[in-house]
C-alpha atoms as a PDB file:
ATOM      1  CA  MET A   1      65.308 -44.690 -44.055  1.00  0.00           C
ATOM      2  CA  GLU A   2      67.469 -47.353 -45.668  1.00  0.00           C
ATOM      3  CA  LEU A   3      66.993 -47.913 -49.407  1.00  0.00           C
ATOM      4  CA  SER A   4      66.290 -51.615 -48.847  1.00  0.00           C
ATOM      5  CA  ASP A   5      63.470 -50.752 -46.434  1.00  0.00           C
ATOM      6  CA  ILE A   6      62.009 -48.210 -48.872  1.00  0.00           C
ATOM      7  CA  LEU A   7      62.013 -50.748 -51.692  1.00  0.00           C
ATOM      8  CA  ARG A   8      60.492 -53.454 -49.509  1.00  0.00           C
ATOM      9  CA  ARG A   9      57.639 -51.237 -48.369  1.00  0.00           C
ATOM     10  CA  LEU A  10      57.065 -49.821 -51.834  1.00  0.00           C
ATOM     11  CA  SER A  11      56.758 -53.317 -53.299  1.00  0.00           C
ATOM     12  CA  GLY A  12      53.684 -53.945 -51.150  1.00  0.00           C
ATOM     13  CA  LEU A  13      51.741 -50.992 -52.560  1.00  0.00           C
ATOM     14  CA  ASP A  14      49.843 -50.466 -55.794  1.00  0.00           C
ATOM     15  CA  ALA A  15      49.731 -47.344 -57.943  1.00  0.00           C
ATOM     16  CA  CYS A  16      46.242 -46.388 -56.730  1.00  0.00           C
ATOM     17  CA  ALA A  17      47.213 -46.309 -53.050  1.00  0.00           C
ATOM     18  CA  VAL A  18      50.345 -44.317 -53.844  1.00  0.00           C
ATOM     19  CA  SER A  19      48.398 -41.940 -56.095  1.00  0.00           C
ATOM     20  CA  ASP A  20      45.860 -41.347 -53.316  1.00  0.00           C
ATOM     21  CA  ALA A  21      48.690 -40.691 -50.869  1.00  0.00           C
ATOM     22  CA  CYS A  22      50.211 -38.170 -53.262  1.00  0.00           C
ATOM     23  CA  ASP A  23      46.811 -36.480 -53.599  1.00  0.00           C
ATOM     24  CA  LYS A  24      46.517 -36.329 -49.830  1.00  0.00           C
ATOM     25  CA  LEU A  25      49.980 -34.771 -49.506  1.00  0.00           C
ATOM     26  CA  GLY A  26      49.554 -32.258 -52.332  1.00  0.00           C
ATOM     27  CA  LEU A  27      51.912 -34.060 -54.712  1.00  0.00           C
ATOM     28  CA  SER A  28      51.350 -35.004 -58.345  1.00  0.00           C
ATOM     29  CA  PRO A  29      49.090 -38.088 -58.489  1.00  0.00           C
ATOM     30  CA  ALA A  30      49.576 -41.063 -60.794  1.00  0.00           C
ATOM     31  CA  GLN A  31      50.061 -40.460 -64.520  1.00  0.00           C
ATOM     32  CA  SER A  32      47.552 -42.180 -66.791  1.00  0.00           C
ATOM     33  CA  GLY A  33      47.928 -43.913 -70.139  1.00  0.00           C
ATOM     34  CA  LEU A  34      51.238 -45.695 -69.544  1.00  0.00           C
ATOM     35  CA  ALA A  35      49.946 -49.130 -70.405  1.00  0.00           C
ATOM     36  CA  PRO A  36      51.705 -52.443 -69.762  1.00  0.00           C
ATOM     37  CA  ARG A  37      53.116 -53.567 -73.105  1.00  0.00           C
ATOM     38  CA  THR A  38      54.892 -56.757 -72.042  1.00  0.00           C
ATOM     39  CA  GLY A  39      52.622 -58.099 -69.339  1.00  0.00           C
ATOM     40  CA  THR A  40      50.762 -56.752 -66.363  1.00  0.00           C
ATOM     41  CA  ALA A  41      53.354 -57.132 -63.624  1.00  0.00           C
ATOM     42  CA  ARG A  42      53.490 -54.351 -61.064  1.00  0.00           C
ATOM     43  CA  LEU A  43      56.822 -52.550 -60.897  1.00  0.00           C
ATOM     44  CA  SER A  44      58.221 -50.499 -58.077  1.00  0.00           C
ATOM     45  CA  GLY A  45      61.642 -49.079 -57.446  1.00  0.00           C
ATOM     46  CA  ARG A  46      64.087 -46.251 -57.862  1.00  0.00           C
ATOM     47  CA  VAL A  47      64.256 -44.221 -61.066  1.00  0.00           C
ATOM     48  CA  MET A  48      66.975 -43.582 -63.640  1.00  0.00           C
ATOM     49  CA  THR A  49      65.908 -40.977 -66.198  1.00  0.00           C
ATOM     50  CA  LEU A  50      66.441 -40.616 -69.942  1.00  0.00           C
ATOM     51  CA  ARG A  51      65.252 -37.663 -72.067  1.00  0.00           C
ATOM     52  CA  LEU A  52      65.069 -37.835 -75.861  1.00  0.00           C
ATOM     53  CA  ALA A  53      64.763 -35.031 -78.422  1.00  0.00           C
ATOM     54  CA  GLU A  54      63.726 -34.767 -82.048  1.00  0.00           C
ATOM     55  CA  GLY A  55      66.111 -35.367 -84.926  1.00  0.00           C
ATOM     56  CA  PRO A  56      69.534 -36.973 -85.282  1.00  0.00           C
ATOM     57  CA  PRO A  57      72.195 -36.384 -82.622  1.00  0.00           C
ATOM     58  CA  PRO A  58      74.545 -33.416 -82.996  1.00  0.00           C
ATOM     59  CA  ALA A  59      77.443 -34.065 -85.349  1.00  0.00           C
ATOM     60  CA  ASP A  60      79.972 -33.746 -82.528  1.00  0.00           C
ATOM     61  CA  ALA A  61      78.107 -36.081 -80.151  1.00  0.00           C
ATOM     62  CA  PRO A  62      79.826 -39.340 -79.195  1.00  0.00           C
ATOM     63  CA  PRO A  63      78.414 -42.371 -81.052  1.00  0.00           C
ATOM     64  CA  VAL A  64      76.368 -43.872 -78.213  1.00  0.00           C
ATOM     65  CA  HIS A  65      72.939 -45.325 -78.923  1.00  0.00           C
ATOM     66  CA  LEU A  66      70.121 -43.780 -76.920  1.00  0.00           C
ATOM     67  CA  GLY A  67      69.448 -45.691 -73.712  1.00  0.00           C
ATOM     68  CA  SER A  68      72.924 -47.146 -73.368  1.00  0.00           C
ATOM     69  CA  ASN A  69      74.038 -44.535 -70.850  1.00  0.00           C
ATOM     70  CA  ALA A  70      70.917 -45.072 -68.760  1.00  0.00           C
ATOM     71  CA  ILE A  71      71.510 -48.813 -68.633  1.00  0.00           C
ATOM     72  CA  ASN A  72      75.142 -48.299 -67.611  1.00  0.00           C
ATOM     73  CA  ARG A  73      74.302 -45.728 -64.933  1.00  0.00           C
ATOM     74  CA  ALA A  74      71.298 -47.508 -63.420  1.00  0.00           C
ATOM     75  CA  GLN A  75      71.719 -49.893 -60.535  1.00  0.00           C
ATOM     76  CA  PRO A  76      70.234 -53.404 -60.510  1.00  0.00           C
ATOM     77  CA  GLY A  77      66.576 -53.119 -59.556  1.00  0.00           C
ATOM     78  CA  ASP A  78      66.215 -49.566 -60.890  1.00  0.00           C
ATOM     79  CA  ILE A  79      63.517 -48.589 -63.381  1.00  0.00           C
ATOM     80  CA  ILE A  80      64.479 -46.563 -66.454  1.00  0.00           C
ATOM     81  CA  VAL A  81      62.003 -43.758 -67.156  1.00  0.00           C
ATOM     82  CA  VAL A  82      62.074 -42.311 -70.683  1.00  0.00           C
ATOM     83  CA  GLU A  83      60.698 -38.977 -71.895  1.00  0.00           C
ATOM     84  CA  GLN A  84      59.950 -38.960 -75.629  1.00  0.00           C
ATOM     85  CA  ARG A  85      57.496 -36.100 -76.087  1.00  0.00           C
ATOM     86  CA  SER A  86      58.770 -34.828 -79.429  1.00  0.00           C
ATOM     87  CA  GLY A  87      55.638 -35.913 -81.278  1.00  0.00           C
ATOM     88  CA  VAL A  88      57.779 -37.941 -83.686  1.00  0.00           C
ATOM     89  CA  ASP A  89      56.530 -41.488 -84.263  1.00  0.00           C
ATOM     90  CA  ALA A  90      59.686 -43.389 -83.385  1.00  0.00           C
ATOM     91  CA  GLY A  91      60.746 -46.006 -80.901  1.00  0.00           C
ATOM     92  CA  CYS A  92      62.364 -44.706 -77.733  1.00  0.00           C
ATOM     93  CA  TRP A  93      63.238 -48.208 -76.535  1.00  0.00           C
ATOM     94  CA  GLY A  94      63.917 -51.455 -78.402  1.00  0.00           C
ATOM     95  CA  GLY A  95      64.922 -55.074 -78.270  1.00  0.00           C
ATOM     96  CA  ILE A  96      68.691 -54.812 -77.889  1.00  0.00           C
ATOM     97  CA  LEU A  97      68.195 -52.299 -75.092  1.00  0.00           C
ATOM     98  CA  SER A  98      65.775 -54.687 -73.373  1.00  0.00           C
ATOM     99  CA  ASN A  99      68.387 -57.436 -73.562  1.00  0.00           C
ATOM    100  CA  GLY A 100      71.059 -55.127 -72.172  1.00  0.00           C
ATOM    101  CA  ALA A 101      68.823 -53.902 -69.362  1.00  0.00           C
ATOM    102  CA  LYS A 102      67.718 -57.422 -68.460  1.00  0.00           C
ATOM    103  CA  THR A 103      71.353 -58.569 -68.319  1.00  0.00           C
ATOM    104  CA  ARG A 104      72.223 -55.599 -66.104  1.00  0.00           C
ATOM    105  CA  GLY A 105      69.399 -56.417 -63.681  1.00  0.00           C
ATOM    106  CA  ILE A 106      67.242 -53.403 -64.503  1.00  0.00           C
ATOM    107  CA  ALA A 107      63.690 -54.014 -63.255  1.00  0.00           C
ATOM    108  CA  GLY A 108      61.867 -52.497 -66.240  1.00  0.00           C
ATOM    109  CA  VAL A 109      61.114 -49.419 -68.324  1.00  0.00           C
ATOM    110  CA  ILE A 110      58.431 -46.723 -68.274  1.00  0.00           C
ATOM    111  CA  ALA A 111      58.296 -44.698 -71.494  1.00  0.00           C
ATOM    112  CA  ASP A 112      56.286 -41.561 -72.171  1.00  0.00           C
ATOM    113  CA  GLY A 113      56.463 -42.339 -75.865  1.00  0.00           C
ATOM    114  CA  ALA A 114      56.398 -45.311 -78.207  1.00  0.00           C
ATOM    115  CA  VAL A 115      58.463 -48.468 -77.792  1.00  0.00           C
ATOM    116  CA  ARG A 116      59.261 -51.244 -80.246  1.00  0.00           C
ATOM    117  CA  ASP A 117      60.351 -54.895 -80.220  1.00  0.00           C
ATOM    118  CA  VAL A 118      57.761 -55.551 -77.543  1.00  0.00           C
ATOM    119  CA  ASP A 119      57.453 -59.227 -78.497  1.00  0.00           C
ATOM    120  CA  GLU A 120      61.167 -59.637 -77.867  1.00  0.00           C
ATOM    121  CA  ALA A 121      60.876 -57.918 -74.482  1.00  0.00           C
ATOM    122  CA  ALA A 122      57.911 -60.128 -73.598  1.00  0.00           C
ATOM    123  CA  ALA A 123      59.929 -63.237 -74.423  1.00  0.00           C
ATOM    124  CA  LEU A 124      62.614 -61.956 -72.050  1.00  0.00           C
ATOM    125  CA  ASP A 125      60.004 -61.373 -69.348  1.00  0.00           C
ATOM    126  CA  PHE A 126      61.204 -57.752 -69.267  1.00  0.00           C
ATOM    127  CA  PRO A 127      58.427 -55.369 -68.152  1.00  0.00           C
ATOM    128  CA  ILE A 128      57.717 -52.285 -70.263  1.00  0.00           C
ATOM    129  CA  PHE A 129      55.012 -49.684 -69.658  1.00  0.00           C
ATOM    130  CA  ALA A 130      54.618 -47.170 -72.474  1.00  0.00           C
ATOM    131  CA  ARG A 131      52.363 -44.612 -74.085  1.00  0.00           C
ATOM    132  CA  ALA A 132      52.293 -46.486 -77.415  1.00  0.00           C
ATOM    133  CA  THR A 133      54.015 -49.069 -79.585  1.00  0.00           C
ATOM    134  CA  THR A 134      55.650 -48.687 -82.990  1.00  0.00           C
ATOM    135  CA  ALA A 135      57.907 -50.550 -85.388  1.00  0.00           C
ATOM    136  CA  ARG A 136      59.700 -47.351 -86.446  1.00  0.00           C
ATOM    137  CA  THR A 137      63.380 -46.957 -85.623  1.00  0.00           C
ATOM    138  CA  ALA A 138      64.751 -44.060 -83.628  1.00  0.00           C
ATOM    139  CA  ARG A 139      67.605 -43.631 -86.118  1.00  0.00           C
ATOM    140  CA  GLY A 140      67.491 -40.151 -87.608  1.00  0.00           C
ATOM    141  CA  ARG A 141      64.218 -39.404 -85.829  1.00  0.00           C
ATOM    142  CA  VAL A 142      65.077 -38.942 -82.145  1.00  0.00           C
ATOM    143  CA  HIS A 143      68.264 -38.882 -80.130  1.00  0.00           C
ATOM    144  CA  GLU A 144      69.393 -38.947 -76.524  1.00  0.00           C
ATOM    145  CA  ALA A 145      69.396 -35.426 -75.098  1.00  0.00           C
ATOM    146  CA  GLU A 146      70.239 -36.192 -71.470  1.00  0.00           C
ATOM    147  CA  THR A 147      70.609 -39.089 -69.052  1.00  0.00           C
ATOM    148  CA  GLY A 148      70.112 -38.588 -65.335  1.00  0.00           C
ATOM    149  CA  GLY A 149      68.434 -35.192 -65.607  1.00  0.00           C
ATOM    150  CA  PRO A 150      64.822 -34.190 -64.975  1.00  0.00           C
ATOM    151  CA  VAL A 151      62.166 -35.596 -67.307  1.00  0.00           C
ATOM    152  CA  THR A 152      58.491 -34.831 -67.797  1.00  0.00           C
ATOM    153  CA  ILE A 153      56.171 -37.840 -67.698  1.00  0.00           C
ATOM    154  CA  GLY A 154      52.566 -36.871 -68.228  1.00  0.00           C
ATOM    155  CA  GLU A 155      52.125 -33.944 -65.845  1.00  0.00           C
ATOM    156  CA  ALA A 156      54.884 -34.994 -63.462  1.00  0.00           C
ATOM    157  CA  THR A 157      58.492 -33.861 -63.268  1.00  0.00           C
ATOM    158  CA  VAL A 158      60.633 -36.865 -62.403  1.00  0.00           C
ATOM    159  CA  ASN A 159      64.267 -36.879 -61.298  1.00  0.00           C
ATOM    160  CA  ALA A 160      66.845 -39.639 -61.148  1.00  0.00           C
ATOM    161  CA  GLY A 161      66.697 -41.097 -57.649  1.00  0.00           C
ATOM    162  CA  ASP A 162      62.951 -40.592 -57.297  1.00  0.00           C
ATOM    163  CA  PHE A 163      60.706 -43.610 -56.790  1.00  0.00           C
ATOM    164  CA  VAL A 164      57.787 -45.068 -58.760  1.00  0.00           C
ATOM    165  CA  VAL A 165      55.033 -47.646 -58.529  1.00  0.00           C
ATOM    166  CA  VAL A 166      53.476 -48.579 -61.867  1.00  0.00           C
ATOM    167  CA  ASP A 167      50.792 -51.131 -62.712  1.00  0.00           C
ATOM    168  CA  GLY A 168      47.829 -51.494 -65.022  1.00  0.00           C
ATOM    169  CA  SER A 169      46.153 -48.414 -63.521  1.00  0.00           C
ATOM    170  CA  GLY A 170      48.971 -45.886 -63.895  1.00  0.00           C
ATOM    171  CA  ALA A 171      52.405 -44.737 -62.804  1.00  0.00           C
ATOM    172  CA  ALA A 172      52.778 -42.922 -59.477  1.00  0.00           C
ATOM    173  CA  PHE A 173      56.087 -41.086 -59.127  1.00  0.00           C
ATOM    174  CA  ILE A 174      57.344 -40.085 -55.695  1.00  0.00           C
ATOM    175  CA  PRO A 175      59.979 -37.379 -55.110  1.00  0.00           C
ATOM    176  CA  ALA A 176      62.901 -38.840 -53.204  1.00  0.00           C
ATOM    177  CA  ASP A 177      62.591 -36.270 -50.424  1.00  0.00           C
ATOM    178  CA  ARG A 178      58.940 -37.213 -49.797  1.00  0.00           C
ATOM    179  CA  ILE A 179      59.220 -40.981 -49.921  1.00  0.00           C
ATOM    180  CA  ALA A 180      58.846 -41.484 -46.154  1.00  0.00           C
ATOM    181  CA  ASP A 181      55.661 -39.376 -45.999  1.00  0.00           C
ATOM    182  CA  VAL A 182      54.153 -41.116 -49.023  1.00  0.00           C
ATOM    183  CA  LEU A 183      54.932 -44.590 -47.684  1.00  0.00           C
ATOM    184  CA  VAL A 184      53.172 -43.823 -44.403  1.00  0.00           C
ATOM    185  CA  ALA A 185      50.110 -42.295 -46.068  1.00  0.00           C
ATOM    186  CA  ALA A 186      49.846 -44.966 -48.777  1.00  0.00           C
ATOM    187  CA  SER A 187      50.149 -47.804 -46.251  1.00  0.00           C
ATOM    188  CA  GLU A 188      47.378 -46.292 -44.126  1.00  0.00           C
ATOM    189  CA  ILE A 189      45.151 -45.804 -47.173  1.00  0.00           C
ATOM    190  CA  ALA A 190      45.754 -49.364 -48.356  1.00  0.00           C
ATOM    191  CA  ALA A 191      44.883 -50.690 -44.889  1.00  0.00           C
ATOM    192  CA  ARG A 192      41.669 -48.648 -44.774  1.00  0.00           C
ATOM    193  CA  GLU A 193      40.651 -49.851 -48.245  1.00  0.00           C
ATOM    194  CA  ALA A 194      41.315 -53.440 -47.206  1.00  0.00           C
ATOM    195  CA  GLU A 195      38.963 -52.947 -44.257  1.00  0.00           C
ATOM    196  CA  LEU A 196      36.262 -51.557 -46.545  1.00  0.00           C
ATOM    197  CA  THR A 197      36.709 -54.459 -48.946  1.00  0.00           C
ATOM    198  CA  ARG A 198      36.348 -56.956 -46.119  1.00  0.00           C
ATOM    199  CA  ALA A 199      33.165 -55.172 -45.018  1.00  0.00           C
ATOM    200  CA  VAL A 200      31.674 -55.442 -48.530  1.00  0.00           C
ATOM    201  CA  ARG A 201      32.558 -59.114 -48.751  1.00  0.00           C
ATOM    202  CA  SER A 202      30.996 -59.761 -45.350  1.00  0.00           C
ATOM    203  CA  GLY A 203      27.674 -58.366 -46.539  1.00  0.00           C
ATOM    204  CA  VAL A 204      27.684 -54.735 -45.411  1.00  0.00           C
ATOM    205  CA  PRO A 205      25.582 -52.781 -47.946  1.00  0.00           C
ATOM    206  CA  ILE A 206      27.772 -51.142 -50.572  1.00  0.00           C
ATOM    207  CA  ASP A 207      26.137 -47.738 -50.104  1.00  0.00           C
ATOM    208  CA  GLN A 208      27.216 -47.725 -46.475  1.00  0.00           C
ATOM    209  CA  VAL A 209      30.769 -48.719 -47.313  1.00  0.00           C
ATOM    210  CA  MET A 210      31.148 -46.326 -50.231  1.00  0.00           C
ATOM    211  CA  GLY A 211      29.412 -43.461 -48.505  1.00  0.00           C
ATOM    212  CA  GLY A 212      31.116 -41.331 -45.918  1.00  0.00           C
ATOM    213  CA  ASN A 213      33.709 -43.970 -45.081  1.00  0.00           C
ATOM    214  CA  TYR A 214      35.211 -43.946 -48.560  1.00  0.00           C
ATOM    215  CA  GLU A 215      34.452 -40.426 -49.781  1.00  0.00           C
ATOM    216  CA  HIS A 216      36.236 -38.771 -46.865  1.00  0.00           C
ATOM    217  CA  MET A 217      39.049 -41.297 -46.545  1.00  0.00           C
ATOM    218  CA  LEU A 218      41.790 -38.946 -47.754  1.00  0.00           C
ATOM    219  CA  GLU A 219      40.618 -36.290 -45.324  1.00  0.00           C
ATOM    220  CA  ASP A 220      40.449 -38.382 -42.172  1.00  0.00           C
ATOM    221  CA  THR A 221      43.280 -40.834 -42.780  1.00  0.00           C
ATOM    222  CA  PRO A 222      45.862 -39.995 -40.093  1.00  0.00           C
ATOM    223  CA  SER A 223      49.249 -38.796 -41.319  1.00  0.00           C
END
């Protein structure tokens, strides 16, 4: 499947439908608690990963600020996904990075950690979903450990080149090699839920709609 077709189809789905599809297919469902910090826009796209670690960078490391490599390596429309699970209260993304990413055409950021300069990102209309916010600098507290490698976001392992849909409900990550299966299942689930919603709005009693039709939807949705 062409990347453009994947992105087009993914843009029509929300995190709940994708999460349900992942459940149906035995994949990791959506990760919770990654709240929209600069608006409530839904994001979908391909992933570039960034993993941070505690403390200052090694003395022999090149002087590159964390996040810069991810911005340079990502393609326009990609979403940068940051792992900052050190437990240190420090920003893993900030205002200058948001400006750089926006200029590069990056679609947004998902951070399993705290971000800062969120007002600046909001003024740029640059979407950020994150575990928390902070005003604390990363300097001396966390450093870039790896760009483009696997990261852990919630309970999910995410790789560069995977796909994600994130909105106010959560972030659903899709392994690149399962994207076709997930798109089919999520589209079918979304269509079924739309039918159920239309039934409710037309006056069908809610207990009938939310009974067997809904409870067994993931079992009897064709794949």
